[in-house]
Amino acid sequence: MIKWLLTTLLALVVFTVAMPWISRRLGIGNIPGDLRFRVRGRDYFVPLASTLLLTFVAWLITKLL
């Protein structure tokens, strides 16, 4: 359980940083569940649903290999 939680947290951090590049190249980032909000004039983006989806795909690939 701890491994899954740490993997999801690490993936969330990585995808948050890489999301501008990923959304331009792959079109990921507009999935329902991805949070976008503005606080004090700054836009924040938390790709929660995209992170879960990409983490599941990575897990599936590792299970198949």
Protein backbone atom coordinates (compact mmCIF):
# COMPACT_ATOMS: atom_id res chain seq x y z
CA MET A 1 0.00 0.00 0.00
CA ILE A 2 2.82 2.39 0.86
CA LYS A 3 4.59 1.64 -2.45
CA TRP A 4 1.41 2.44 -4.40
CA LEU A 5 0.91 5.68 -2.48
CA LEU A 6 4.52 6.79 -2.97
CA THR A 7 4.40 5.89 -6.65
CA THR A 8 1.22 7.91 -7.16
CA LEU A 9 2.65 10.88 -5.23
CA LEU A 10 5.88 10.81 -7.23
CA ALA A 11 3.94 10.53 -10.49
CA LEU A 12 1.75 13.47 -9.46
CA VAL A 13 4.82 15.65 -8.88
CA VAL A 14 6.48 14.60 -12.15
CA PHE A 15 3.33 15.06 -14.23
CA THR A 16 2.58 18.43 -12.63
CA VAL A 17 5.99 19.70 -13.71
CA ALA A 18 5.83 18.07 -17.15
CA MET A 19 2.16 18.79 -17.88
CA PRO A 20 2.67 21.80 -20.21
CA TRP A 21 4.90 19.71 -22.47
CA ILE A 22 2.66 16.61 -22.23
CA SER A 23 -0.52 18.55 -23.01
CA ARG A 24 1.05 20.13 -26.13
CA ARG A 25 2.54 16.88 -27.42
CA LEU A 26 0.02 14.23 -26.38
CA GLY A 27 -3.15 16.17 -25.63
CA ILE A 28 -3.44 14.78 -22.11
CA GLY A 29 -4.58 17.18 -19.42
CA ASN A 30 -8.20 17.83 -20.23
CA ILE A 31 -9.58 14.74 -18.52
CA PRO A 32 -12.43 15.31 -16.05
CA GLY A 33 -10.77 15.24 -12.64
CA ASP A 34 -7.79 17.39 -13.56
CA LEU A 35 -8.02 20.43 -11.32
CA ARG A 36 -7.33 23.96 -12.55
CA PHE A 37 -7.76 26.93 -10.26
CA ARG A 38 -6.56 30.49 -9.80
CA VAL A 39 -5.29 31.91 -6.51
CA ARG A 40 -4.13 35.53 -6.24
CA GLY A 41 -3.68 35.85 -9.98
CA ARG A 42 -1.66 32.65 -10.46
CA ASP A 43 -2.98 29.62 -12.29
CA TYR A 44 -2.44 26.24 -10.68
CA PHE A 45 -2.96 22.88 -12.32
CA VAL A 46 -3.18 19.56 -10.49
CA PRO A 47 -3.43 16.69 -12.99
CA LEU A 48 -5.02 14.21 -10.60
CA ALA A 49 -7.00 12.14 -13.13
CA SER A 50 -4.21 12.21 -15.72
CA THR A 51 -1.73 11.06 -13.07
CA LEU A 52 -3.92 8.14 -12.08
CA LEU A 53 -4.48 7.18 -15.71
CA LEU A 54 -0.79 7.34 -16.66
CA THR A 55 0.23 5.53 -13.47
CA PHE A 56 -2.22 2.75 -14.28
CA VAL A 57 -0.85 2.48 -17.83
CA ALA A 58 2.72 2.30 -16.51
CA TRP A 59 1.68 -0.36 -14.00
CA LEU A 60 -0.07 -2.35 -16.74
CA ILE A 61 3.01 -2.20 -18.96
CA THR A 62 5.25 -3.46 -16.15
CA LYS A 63 2.86 -6.33 -15.43
CA LEU A 64 2.81 -7.36 -19.08
CA LEU A 65 6.61 -7.32 -19.34
